């Protein structure tokens, strides 16, 4: 649900999302000045607003940074017809790339799902099930590979710790550059 708050004299809109994976409050700002506050299941709106006030300078800087950026170049989500037409192509592509990278990592994962998610490119469940957006097939191969490697590494490290990034860097030493591209386009993976 969209909410409003005034930070340092500037009114902004933000959205609160409860995330079972969150242990603490986090803020992300996407192109178009979309401010999202993630809170753990036991978090509160009051705590989210307090955190927004604490991080006001950073939030306002990020909003200003994105003011001149138009819609993202790559966007998740699409029409039902497009999803239906490309789902099997996406499934084949993801399976091939997972097989390729798993020759290197040799990890176990569960079910592979192809979905039409509106805000995510990929995710990994606690049961090691991998979910990918069908529009992965429309991305440049290096970006698609990064998303696949990112989720594959979550089967071993279910966080974004230094150990997780060390795993990612084994197959993608330039992951930081690709990650920057993703952020610049408002893309999200978990």
N, C-alpha and C. Protein backbone atom coordinates (compact mmCIF):
# COMPACT_ATOMS: atom_id res chain seq x y z
N UNK A 1 0.84 -1.18 0.00
CA UNK A 1 0.00 0.00 0.00
C UNK A 1 0.89 1.25 0.00
N UNK A 2 0.57 2.19 -0.87
CA UNK A 2 1.33 3.44 -0.95
C UNK A 2 1.07 4.29 0.29
N UNK A 3 2.14 4.85 0.82
CA UNK A 3 2.06 5.75 1.97
C UNK A 3 2.82 7.01 1.64
N UNK A 4 2.63 8.02 2.45
CA UNK A 4 3.35 9.29 2.27
C UNK A 4 4.03 9.66 3.58
N UNK A 5 5.20 10.30 3.43
CA UNK A 5 5.95 10.77 4.60
C UNK A 5 6.73 12.02 4.16
N UNK A 6 6.95 12.92 5.11
CA UNK A 6 7.75 14.10 4.82
C UNK A 6 9.13 13.92 5.42
N UNK A 7 10.15 13.95 4.55
CA UNK A 7 11.54 13.81 4.98
C UNK A 7 12.27 15.12 4.68
N UNK A 8 12.74 15.78 5.73
CA UNK A 8 13.49 17.04 5.58
C UNK A 8 12.73 18.05 4.71
N UNK A 9 11.44 18.14 4.94
CA UNK A 9 10.61 19.11 4.23
C UNK A 9 10.12 18.67 2.87
N UNK A 10 10.49 17.46 2.42
CA UNK A 10 10.07 16.96 1.12
C UNK A 10 9.15 15.77 1.30
N UNK A 11 7.94 15.87 0.73
CA UNK A 11 7.00 14.76 0.84
C UNK A 11 7.33 13.71 -0.21
N UNK A 12 7.40 12.45 0.22
CA UNK A 12 7.66 11.35 -0.71
C UNK A 12 6.62 10.27 -0.52
N UNK A 13 6.45 9.45 -1.56
CA UNK A 13 5.60 8.27 -1.47
C UNK A 13 6.52 7.07 -1.23
N UNK A 14 6.03 6.12 -0.46
CA UNK A 14 6.80 4.90 -0.26
C UNK A 14 5.86 3.74 -0.07
N UNK A 15 6.39 2.55 -0.21
CA UNK A 15 5.61 1.34 -0.03
C UNK A 15 6.31 0.46 1.00
N UNK A 16 5.53 -0.14 1.88
CA UNK A 16 6.08 -1.07 2.88
C UNK A 16 5.78 -2.48 2.41
N UNK A 17 6.82 -3.31 2.41
CA UNK A 17 6.65 -4.73 2.06
C UNK A 17 7.17 -5.58 3.20
N UNK A 18 6.37 -6.53 3.63
CA UNK A 18 6.80 -7.48 4.66
C UNK A 18 7.52 -8.62 3.95
N UNK A 19 8.75 -8.89 4.39
CA UNK A 19 9.55 -9.93 3.77
C UNK A 19 9.95 -10.97 4.83
N UNK A 20 9.57 -12.20 4.60
CA UNK A 20 9.92 -13.28 5.53
C UNK A 20 11.43 -13.47 5.60
N UNK A 21 12.15 -13.04 4.55
CA UNK A 21 13.61 -13.20 4.53
C UNK A 21 14.34 -12.07 5.23
N UNK A 22 13.64 -10.98 5.52
CA UNK A 22 14.29 -9.82 6.15
C UNK A 22 14.47 -10.05 7.65
N UNK A 23 15.65 -9.72 8.12
CA UNK A 23 15.91 -9.76 9.56
C UNK A 23 15.91 -8.36 10.13
N UNK A 24 16.05 -7.38 9.24
CA UNK A 24 16.04 -5.99 9.67
C UNK A 24 15.38 -5.15 8.58
N UNK A 25 15.16 -3.91 8.86
CA UNK A 25 14.51 -3.02 7.92
C UNK A 25 15.51 -2.61 6.83
N UNK A 26 15.04 -2.55 5.60
CA UNK A 26 15.88 -2.12 4.48
C UNK A 26 15.10 -1.19 3.57
N UNK A 27 15.82 -0.34 2.87
CA UNK A 27 15.19 0.60 1.94
C UNK A 27 15.85 0.46 0.58
N UNK A 28 15.02 0.44 -0.46
CA UNK A 28 15.53 0.49 -1.83
C UNK A 28 14.80 1.61 -2.56
N UNK A 29 15.52 2.27 -3.44
CA UNK A 29 14.94 3.32 -4.26
C UNK A 29 15.20 2.93 -5.72
N UNK A 30 14.14 2.89 -6.50
CA UNK A 30 14.23 2.48 -7.90
C UNK A 30 13.96 3.67 -8.81
N UNK A 31 14.34 3.56 -10.09
CA UNK A 31 14.03 4.64 -11.04
C UNK A 31 12.54 4.97 -10.98
N UNK A 32 12.23 6.24 -11.16
CA UNK A 32 10.86 6.69 -11.02
C UNK A 32 10.56 7.06 -9.58
N UNK A 33 11.61 7.10 -8.76
CA UNK A 33 11.51 7.47 -7.34
C UNK A 33 10.62 6.52 -6.56
N UNK A 34 10.61 5.25 -6.92
CA UNK A 34 9.84 4.25 -6.17
C UNK A 34 10.64 3.85 -4.94
N UNK A 35 10.14 4.23 -3.77
CA UNK A 35 10.81 3.94 -2.51
C UNK A 35 10.09 2.75 -1.87
N UNK A 36 10.85 1.70 -1.58
CA UNK A 36 10.29 0.50 -0.97
C UNK A 36 11.02 0.23 0.33
N UNK A 37 10.25 0.06 1.40
CA UNK A 37 10.81 -0.26 2.71
C UNK A 37 10.42 -1.71 3.01
N UNK A 38 11.43 -2.56 3.15
CA UNK A 38 11.19 -3.97 3.49
C UNK A 38 11.33 -4.13 4.99
N UNK A 39 10.35 -4.80 5.58
CA UNK A 39 10.40 -5.02 7.03
C UNK A 39 10.24 -6.51 7.32
N UNK A 40 10.82 -6.97 8.43
CA UNK A 40 10.62 -8.37 8.81
C UNK A 40 9.17 -8.59 9.24
N UNK A 41 8.72 -9.84 9.31
CA UNK A 41 7.33 -10.13 9.65
C UNK A 41 6.84 -9.46 10.94
N UNK A 42 7.72 -9.29 11.90
CA UNK A 42 7.30 -8.66 13.16
C UNK A 42 7.56 -7.16 13.19
N UNK A 43 7.96 -6.61 12.06
CA UNK A 43 8.23 -5.18 11.97
C UNK A 43 6.93 -4.38 11.98
N UNK A 44 7.06 -3.08 12.14
CA UNK A 44 5.89 -2.21 12.18
C UNK A 44 6.06 -1.03 11.24
N UNK A 45 4.95 -0.41 10.89
CA UNK A 45 4.97 0.79 10.05
C UNK A 45 5.72 1.90 10.78
N UNK A 46 5.50 2.01 12.09
CA UNK A 46 6.18 3.04 12.89
C UNK A 46 7.70 2.87 12.80
N UNK A 47 8.17 1.63 12.93
CA UNK A 47 9.61 1.37 12.84
C UNK A 47 10.12 1.70 11.43
N UNK A 48 9.32 1.39 10.40
CA UNK A 48 9.71 1.70 9.02
C UNK A 48 9.85 3.21 8.84
N UNK A 49 8.90 3.96 9.40
CA UNK A 49 8.96 5.42 9.27
C UNK A 49 10.14 6.01 10.04
N UNK A 50 10.42 5.46 11.20
CA UNK A 50 11.60 5.93 11.96
C UNK A 50 12.87 5.71 11.15
N UNK A 51 12.96 4.54 10.52
CA UNK A 51 14.13 4.21 9.73
C UNK A 51 14.23 5.14 8.51
N UNK A 52 13.11 5.47 7.89
CA UNK A 52 13.12 6.42 6.78
C UNK A 52 13.67 7.77 7.22
N UNK A 53 13.28 8.22 8.42
CA UNK A 53 13.79 9.49 8.94
C UNK A 53 15.30 9.42 9.19
N UNK A 54 15.75 8.30 9.73
CA UNK A 54 17.19 8.13 9.99
C UNK A 54 17.98 8.15 8.67
N UNK A 55 17.42 7.54 7.64
CA UNK A 55 18.09 7.42 6.35
C UNK A 55 17.65 8.50 5.36
N UNK A 56 17.04 9.56 5.85
CA UNK A 56 16.45 10.60 4.98
C UNK A 56 17.43 11.16 3.97
N UNK A 57 18.65 11.50 4.39
CA UNK A 57 19.62 12.08 3.46
C UNK A 57 19.90 11.12 2.30
N UNK A 58 20.12 9.86 2.62
CA UNK A 58 20.41 8.86 1.59
C UNK A 58 19.20 8.70 0.65
N UNK A 59 18.01 8.56 1.21
CA UNK A 59 16.80 8.37 0.41
C UNK A 59 16.61 9.55 -0.55
N UNK A 60 16.73 10.76 -0.05
CA UNK A 60 16.54 11.94 -0.90
C UNK A 60 17.61 12.04 -1.99
N UNK A 61 18.84 11.65 -1.66
CA UNK A 61 19.90 11.63 -2.68
C UNK A 61 19.58 10.63 -3.79
N UNK A 62 19.08 9.45 -3.40
CA UNK A 62 18.74 8.43 -4.38
C UNK A 62 17.59 8.89 -5.27
N UNK A 63 16.59 9.51 -4.67
CA UNK A 63 15.45 10.01 -5.45
C UNK A 63 15.93 11.03 -6.47
N UNK A 64 16.79 11.94 -6.02
CA UNK A 64 17.32 12.98 -6.91
C UNK A 64 18.12 12.34 -8.06
N UNK A 65 18.89 11.31 -7.73
CA UNK A 65 19.70 10.61 -8.72
C UNK A 65 18.83 10.00 -9.82
N UNK A 66 17.66 9.49 -9.43
CA UNK A 66 16.79 8.82 -10.39
C UNK A 66 15.78 9.74 -11.06
N UNK A 67 15.74 11.02 -10.67
CA UNK A 67 14.74 11.94 -11.23
C UNK A 67 14.80 12.03 -12.75
N UNK A 68 15.99 12.00 -13.30
CA UNK A 68 16.13 12.17 -14.75
C UNK A 68 16.17 10.86 -15.52
N UNK A 69 16.02 9.75 -14.82
CA UNK A 69 16.04 8.45 -15.49
C UNK A 69 14.61 8.10 -15.90
N UNK A 70 14.46 7.73 -17.15
CA UNK A 70 13.14 7.33 -17.62
C UNK A 70 12.90 5.87 -17.27
N UNK A 71 11.89 5.29 -17.81
CA UNK A 71 11.54 3.90 -17.51
C UNK A 71 12.73 2.98 -17.74
N UNK A 72 12.85 1.93 -16.94
CA UNK A 72 13.97 1.01 -17.08
C UNK A 72 14.04 0.40 -18.49
N UNK A 73 15.25 0.13 -18.92
CA UNK A 73 15.46 -0.47 -20.23
C UNK A 73 14.93 -1.91 -20.25
N UNK A 74 15.18 -2.64 -19.18
CA UNK A 74 14.72 -4.01 -19.05
C UNK A 74 13.73 -4.04 -17.91
N UNK A 75 12.55 -4.57 -18.15
CA UNK A 75 11.57 -4.62 -17.07
C UNK A 75 11.00 -6.02 -16.95
N UNK A 76 10.90 -6.52 -15.72
CA UNK A 76 10.25 -7.82 -15.55
C UNK A 76 8.74 -7.66 -15.77
N UNK A 77 8.05 -8.76 -15.87
CA UNK A 77 6.60 -8.73 -16.05
C UNK A 77 6.24 -8.50 -17.50
N UNK A 78 5.14 -9.08 -17.91
CA UNK A 78 4.69 -8.92 -19.28
C UNK A 78 3.26 -9.39 -19.41
N UNK A 79 2.77 -9.40 -20.62
CA UNK A 79 1.39 -9.80 -20.84
C UNK A 79 1.24 -11.32 -20.69
N UNK A 80 0.03 -11.75 -20.41
CA UNK A 80 -0.24 -13.18 -20.26
C UNK A 80 0.04 -13.91 -21.57
N UNK A 81 -0.29 -13.28 -22.69
CA UNK A 81 -0.06 -13.91 -24.00
C UNK A 81 1.44 -14.08 -24.27
N UNK A 82 2.22 -13.06 -23.97
CA UNK A 82 3.67 -13.14 -24.17
C UNK A 82 4.26 -14.22 -23.27
N UNK A 83 3.81 -14.27 -22.03
CA UNK A 83 4.27 -15.28 -21.07
C UNK A 83 3.98 -16.68 -21.61
N UNK A 84 2.76 -16.89 -22.07
CA UNK A 84 2.37 -18.21 -22.59
C UNK A 84 3.22 -18.59 -23.80
N UNK A 85 3.48 -17.61 -24.67
CA UNK A 85 4.25 -17.87 -25.89
C UNK A 85 5.73 -18.16 -25.62
N UNK A 86 6.28 -17.58 -24.55
CA UNK A 86 7.73 -17.69 -24.33
C UNK A 86 8.13 -18.56 -23.14
N UNK A 87 7.15 -19.06 -22.40
CA UNK A 87 7.45 -19.83 -21.18
C UNK A 87 8.33 -21.05 -21.47
N UNK A 88 7.99 -21.83 -22.49
CA UNK A 88 8.78 -23.05 -22.75
C UNK A 88 10.18 -22.69 -23.25
N UNK A 89 10.30 -21.63 -24.03
CA UNK A 89 11.62 -21.16 -24.47
C UNK A 89 12.47 -20.76 -23.26
N UNK A 90 11.84 -20.06 -22.33
CA UNK A 90 12.54 -19.62 -21.11
C UNK A 90 12.96 -20.82 -20.26
N UNK A 91 12.07 -21.78 -20.12
CA UNK A 91 12.38 -22.98 -19.33
C UNK A 91 13.60 -23.72 -19.92
N UNK A 92 13.61 -23.89 -21.24
CA UNK A 92 14.72 -24.57 -21.91
C UNK A 92 16.03 -23.79 -21.70
N UNK A 93 15.97 -22.48 -21.89
CA UNK A 93 17.14 -21.64 -21.71
C UNK A 93 17.69 -21.74 -20.29
N UNK A 94 16.80 -21.60 -19.30
CA UNK A 94 17.23 -21.63 -17.89
C UNK A 94 17.82 -22.99 -17.55
N UNK A 95 17.18 -24.06 -17.98
CA UNK A 95 17.72 -25.41 -17.69
C UNK A 95 19.11 -25.60 -18.29
N UNK A 96 19.30 -25.13 -19.53
CA UNK A 96 20.62 -25.26 -20.17
C UNK A 96 21.68 -24.47 -19.43
N UNK A 97 21.36 -23.25 -19.04
CA UNK A 97 22.34 -22.40 -18.35
C UNK A 97 22.62 -22.93 -16.94
N UNK A 98 21.58 -23.44 -16.25
CA UNK A 98 21.80 -24.03 -14.93
C UNK A 98 22.72 -25.25 -15.04
N UNK A 99 22.47 -26.08 -16.04
CA UNK A 99 23.32 -27.26 -16.25
C UNK A 99 24.76 -26.84 -16.50
N UNK A 100 24.94 -25.83 -17.34
CA UNK A 100 26.28 -25.32 -17.65
C UNK A 100 27.00 -24.84 -16.39
N UNK A 101 26.35 -23.97 -15.62
CA UNK A 101 27.01 -23.41 -14.43
C UNK A 101 27.12 -24.43 -13.30
N UNK A 102 26.22 -25.39 -13.27
CA UNK A 102 26.30 -26.38 -12.20
C UNK A 102 27.42 -27.39 -12.43
N UNK A 103 27.97 -27.44 -13.64
CA UNK A 103 29.19 -28.23 -13.87
C UNK A 103 30.32 -27.65 -13.02
N UNK A 104 30.27 -26.37 -12.81
CA UNK A 104 31.27 -25.66 -12.02
C UNK A 104 30.96 -25.74 -10.52
N UNK A 105 29.70 -25.44 -10.14
CA UNK A 105 29.34 -25.36 -8.72
C UNK A 105 29.01 -26.72 -8.09
N UNK A 106 28.39 -27.60 -8.85
CA UNK A 106 28.00 -28.92 -8.35
C UNK A 106 27.17 -28.84 -7.07
N UNK A 107 26.06 -28.12 -7.15
CA UNK A 107 25.15 -27.97 -6.01
C UNK A 107 23.82 -28.64 -6.33
N UNK A 108 23.06 -28.93 -5.30
CA UNK A 108 21.73 -29.52 -5.48
C UNK A 108 20.70 -28.40 -5.39
N UNK A 109 19.73 -28.47 -6.29
CA UNK A 109 18.62 -27.53 -6.23
C UNK A 109 17.33 -28.30 -6.49
N UNK A 110 16.22 -27.68 -6.14
CA UNK A 110 14.93 -28.34 -6.26
C UNK A 110 14.24 -28.04 -7.58
N UNK A 111 12.99 -27.69 -7.48
CA UNK A 111 12.13 -27.42 -8.63
C UNK A 111 12.55 -26.12 -9.31
N UNK A 112 12.46 -26.10 -10.63
CA UNK A 112 12.73 -24.87 -11.40
C UNK A 112 11.39 -24.37 -11.91
N UNK A 113 11.05 -23.13 -11.56
CA UNK A 113 9.80 -22.53 -12.00
C UNK A 113 10.08 -21.35 -12.91
N UNK A 114 9.24 -21.20 -13.93
CA UNK A 114 9.30 -20.05 -14.82
C UNK A 114 8.00 -19.28 -14.60
N UNK A 115 8.13 -18.01 -14.24
CA UNK A 115 6.95 -17.21 -13.88
C UNK A 115 6.92 -15.88 -14.60
N UNK A 116 5.79 -15.23 -14.45
CA UNK A 116 5.61 -13.88 -15.00
C UNK A 116 5.55 -12.92 -13.82
N UNK A 117 6.68 -12.75 -13.15
CA UNK A 117 6.74 -11.87 -11.99
C UNK A 117 6.88 -10.43 -12.45
N UNK A 118 6.26 -9.54 -11.71
CA UNK A 118 6.28 -8.13 -12.11
C UNK A 118 7.50 -7.38 -11.60
N UNK A 119 8.11 -7.82 -10.51
CA UNK A 119 9.22 -7.05 -9.93
C UNK A 119 10.51 -7.83 -9.77
N UNK A 120 10.51 -9.12 -10.05
CA UNK A 120 11.72 -9.93 -9.81
C UNK A 120 12.15 -10.68 -11.05
N UNK A 121 13.47 -10.87 -11.12
CA UNK A 121 14.05 -11.66 -12.20
C UNK A 121 14.33 -13.08 -11.74
N UNK A 122 14.53 -13.27 -10.45
CA UNK A 122 14.81 -14.60 -9.95
C UNK A 122 14.73 -14.64 -8.45
N UNK A 123 14.55 -15.85 -7.91
CA UNK A 123 14.56 -16.04 -6.46
C UNK A 123 14.87 -17.50 -6.15
N UNK A 124 15.27 -17.73 -4.91
CA UNK A 124 15.58 -19.08 -4.43
C UNK A 124 14.87 -19.27 -3.10
N UNK A 125 14.09 -20.32 -2.98
CA UNK A 125 13.37 -20.58 -1.73
C UNK A 125 14.28 -21.31 -0.74
N UNK A 126 13.84 -21.37 0.49
CA UNK A 126 14.59 -22.06 1.55
C UNK A 126 14.76 -23.55 1.21
N UNK A 127 13.84 -24.10 0.38
CA UNK A 127 13.92 -25.50 -0.05
C UNK A 127 14.79 -25.69 -1.29
N UNK A 128 15.47 -24.60 -1.69
CA UNK A 128 16.37 -24.60 -2.85
C UNK A 128 15.62 -24.71 -4.19
N UNK A 129 14.35 -24.31 -4.18
CA UNK A 129 13.60 -24.24 -5.43
C UNK A 129 13.96 -22.92 -6.09
N UNK A 130 14.21 -22.96 -7.39
CA UNK A 130 14.63 -21.77 -8.13
C UNK A 130 13.49 -21.28 -9.00
N UNK A 131 13.26 -19.99 -8.97
CA UNK A 131 12.21 -19.38 -9.76
C UNK A 131 12.83 -18.27 -10.60
N UNK A 132 12.47 -18.25 -11.89
CA UNK A 132 13.01 -17.25 -12.81
C UNK A 132 11.89 -16.62 -13.62
N UNK A 133 12.10 -15.36 -13.96
CA UNK A 133 11.16 -14.65 -14.79
C UNK A 133 11.33 -15.12 -16.24
N UNK A 134 10.23 -15.33 -16.93
CA UNK A 134 10.30 -15.82 -18.31
C UNK A 134 11.04 -14.84 -19.23
N UNK A 135 11.06 -13.55 -18.87
CA UNK A 135 11.70 -12.56 -19.74
C UNK A 135 13.23 -12.60 -19.65
N UNK A 136 13.77 -13.56 -18.91
CA UNK A 136 15.22 -13.75 -18.87
C UNK A 136 15.76 -13.97 -20.28
N UNK A 137 14.97 -14.60 -21.14
CA UNK A 137 15.42 -14.88 -22.51
C UNK A 137 15.53 -13.62 -23.35
N UNK A 138 15.00 -12.50 -22.88
CA UNK A 138 15.08 -11.25 -23.64
C UNK A 138 16.28 -10.41 -23.24
N UNK A 139 16.98 -10.82 -22.19
CA UNK A 139 18.11 -10.05 -21.67
C UNK A 139 19.41 -10.41 -22.40
N UNK A 140 20.39 -9.51 -22.36
CA UNK A 140 21.72 -9.88 -22.86
C UNK A 140 22.21 -11.10 -22.07
N UNK A 141 22.88 -12.01 -22.73
CA UNK A 141 23.27 -13.28 -22.13
C UNK A 141 24.07 -13.11 -20.84
N UNK A 142 24.94 -12.13 -20.78
CA UNK A 142 25.77 -11.95 -19.58
C UNK A 142 24.92 -11.57 -18.38
N UNK A 143 23.89 -10.76 -18.58
CA UNK A 143 23.00 -10.38 -17.48
C UNK A 143 22.15 -11.58 -17.06
N UNK A 144 21.61 -12.31 -18.04
CA UNK A 144 20.82 -13.51 -17.73
C UNK A 144 21.67 -14.52 -16.96
N UNK A 145 22.91 -14.73 -17.41
CA UNK A 145 23.81 -15.66 -16.72
C UNK A 145 24.07 -15.22 -15.28
N UNK A 146 24.25 -13.93 -15.08
CA UNK A 146 24.48 -13.43 -13.72
C UNK A 146 23.28 -13.76 -12.83
N UNK A 147 22.08 -13.55 -13.31
CA UNK A 147 20.88 -13.83 -12.51
C UNK A 147 20.82 -15.32 -12.17
N UNK A 148 21.12 -16.17 -13.13
CA UNK A 148 21.10 -17.62 -12.90
C UNK A 148 22.17 -18.02 -11.89
N UNK A 149 23.38 -17.50 -12.04
CA UNK A 149 24.47 -17.80 -11.10
C UNK A 149 24.10 -17.30 -9.70
N UNK A 150 23.55 -16.11 -9.62
CA UNK A 150 23.15 -15.52 -8.33
C UNK A 150 22.21 -16.46 -7.59
N UNK A 151 21.19 -16.94 -8.27
CA UNK A 151 20.22 -17.84 -7.61
C UNK A 151 20.83 -19.20 -7.32
N UNK A 152 21.67 -19.69 -8.18
CA UNK A 152 22.34 -20.97 -7.95
C UNK A 152 23.21 -20.88 -6.69
N UNK A 153 23.89 -19.77 -6.50
CA UNK A 153 24.73 -19.58 -5.31
C UNK A 153 23.89 -19.48 -4.03
N UNK A 154 22.66 -19.01 -4.16
CA UNK A 154 21.77 -18.95 -2.99
C UNK A 154 21.42 -20.35 -2.47
N UNK A 155 21.60 -21.37 -3.27
CA UNK A 155 21.34 -22.72 -2.77
C UNK A 155 22.38 -23.12 -1.72
N UNK A 156 23.53 -22.44 -1.74
CA UNK A 156 24.59 -22.71 -0.77
C UNK A 156 24.66 -21.66 0.33
N UNK A 157 24.44 -20.42 -0.03
CA UNK A 157 24.47 -19.30 0.93
C UNK A 157 23.17 -18.52 0.75
N UNK A 158 22.26 -18.68 1.69
CA UNK A 158 20.95 -18.06 1.57
C UNK A 158 20.96 -16.65 2.15
N UNK A 159 21.90 -15.84 1.67
CA UNK A 159 22.07 -14.47 2.17
C UNK A 159 22.96 -13.74 1.17
N UNK A 160 23.34 -12.51 1.49
CA UNK A 160 24.26 -11.76 0.64
C UNK A 160 25.53 -11.42 1.41
N UNK A 161 26.05 -12.42 2.08
CA UNK A 161 27.26 -12.27 2.88
C UNK A 161 28.50 -12.26 1.98
N UNK A 162 29.66 -11.91 2.53
CA UNK A 162 30.90 -12.00 1.74
C UNK A 162 31.13 -13.40 1.16
N UNK A 163 30.73 -14.44 1.89
CA UNK A 163 30.89 -15.80 1.37
C UNK A 163 30.02 -16.02 0.13
N UNK A 164 28.81 -15.45 0.14
CA UNK A 164 27.93 -15.55 -1.02
C UNK A 164 28.58 -14.90 -2.24
N UNK A 165 29.07 -13.65 -2.06
CA UNK A 165 29.67 -12.93 -3.19
C UNK A 165 30.95 -13.61 -3.67
N UNK A 166 31.67 -14.26 -2.76
CA UNK A 166 32.86 -15.02 -3.17
C UNK A 166 32.46 -16.19 -4.08
N UNK A 167 31.33 -16.83 -3.76
CA UNK A 167 30.83 -17.91 -4.62
C UNK A 167 30.46 -17.38 -6.00
N UNK A 168 29.72 -16.26 -6.03
CA UNK A 168 29.31 -15.67 -7.30
C UNK A 168 30.53 -15.32 -8.15
N UNK A 169 31.54 -14.75 -7.50
CA UNK A 169 32.72 -14.28 -8.24
C UNK A 169 33.54 -15.42 -8.85
N UNK A 170 33.36 -16.64 -8.36
CA UNK A 170 34.09 -17.77 -8.95
C UNK A 170 33.71 -17.98 -10.41
N UNK A 171 32.42 -17.82 -10.72
CA UNK A 171 31.98 -17.99 -12.11
C UNK A 171 31.87 -16.66 -12.84
N UNK A 172 31.69 -15.59 -12.07
CA UNK A 172 31.50 -14.27 -12.69
C UNK A 172 32.35 -13.24 -11.97
N UNK A 173 33.64 -13.19 -12.27
CA UNK A 173 34.53 -12.26 -11.58
C UNK A 173 34.13 -10.79 -11.74
N UNK A 174 33.38 -10.48 -12.81
CA UNK A 174 32.95 -9.10 -13.05
C UNK A 174 31.52 -8.86 -12.57
N UNK A 175 31.06 -9.65 -11.61
CA UNK A 175 29.66 -9.55 -11.16
C UNK A 175 29.28 -8.15 -10.69
N UNK A 176 30.23 -7.39 -10.13
CA UNK A 176 29.89 -6.06 -9.62
C UNK A 176 29.48 -5.13 -10.75
N UNK A 177 30.13 -5.25 -11.88
CA UNK A 177 29.79 -4.43 -13.05
C UNK A 177 28.37 -4.78 -13.54
N UNK A 178 28.07 -6.06 -13.60
CA UNK A 178 26.76 -6.51 -14.06
C UNK A 178 25.69 -6.09 -13.05
N UNK A 179 26.01 -6.23 -11.79
CA UNK A 179 25.08 -5.82 -10.72
C UNK A 179 24.73 -4.34 -10.82
N UNK A 180 25.73 -3.54 -11.16
CA UNK A 180 25.52 -2.10 -11.33
C UNK A 180 24.56 -1.84 -12.49
N UNK A 181 24.72 -2.60 -13.57
CA UNK A 181 23.81 -2.48 -14.71
C UNK A 181 22.38 -2.80 -14.30
N UNK A 182 22.23 -3.85 -13.53
CA UNK A 182 20.90 -4.25 -13.07
C UNK A 182 20.25 -3.15 -12.26
N UNK A 183 21.00 -2.61 -11.31
CA UNK A 183 20.48 -1.56 -10.46
C UNK A 183 20.11 -0.33 -11.26
N UNK A 184 20.93 -0.01 -12.24
CA UNK A 184 20.67 1.15 -13.08
C UNK A 184 19.42 1.02 -13.91
N UNK A 185 18.98 -0.21 -14.11
CA UNK A 185 17.76 -0.47 -14.87
C UNK A 185 16.58 -0.81 -13.98
N UNK A 186 16.74 -0.68 -12.67
CA UNK A 186 15.63 -0.93 -11.75
C UNK A 186 15.25 -2.40 -11.63
N UNK A 187 16.20 -3.30 -11.93
CA UNK A 187 15.92 -4.72 -11.87
C UNK A 187 16.22 -5.27 -10.48
N UNK A 188 15.48 -6.29 -10.10
CA UNK A 188 15.66 -6.85 -8.77
C UNK A 188 15.74 -8.37 -8.82
N UNK A 189 16.67 -8.92 -8.06
CA UNK A 189 16.72 -10.37 -7.87
C UNK A 189 16.93 -10.62 -6.39
N UNK A 190 16.61 -11.82 -5.97
CA UNK A 190 16.79 -12.14 -4.54
C UNK A 190 17.63 -13.37 -4.39
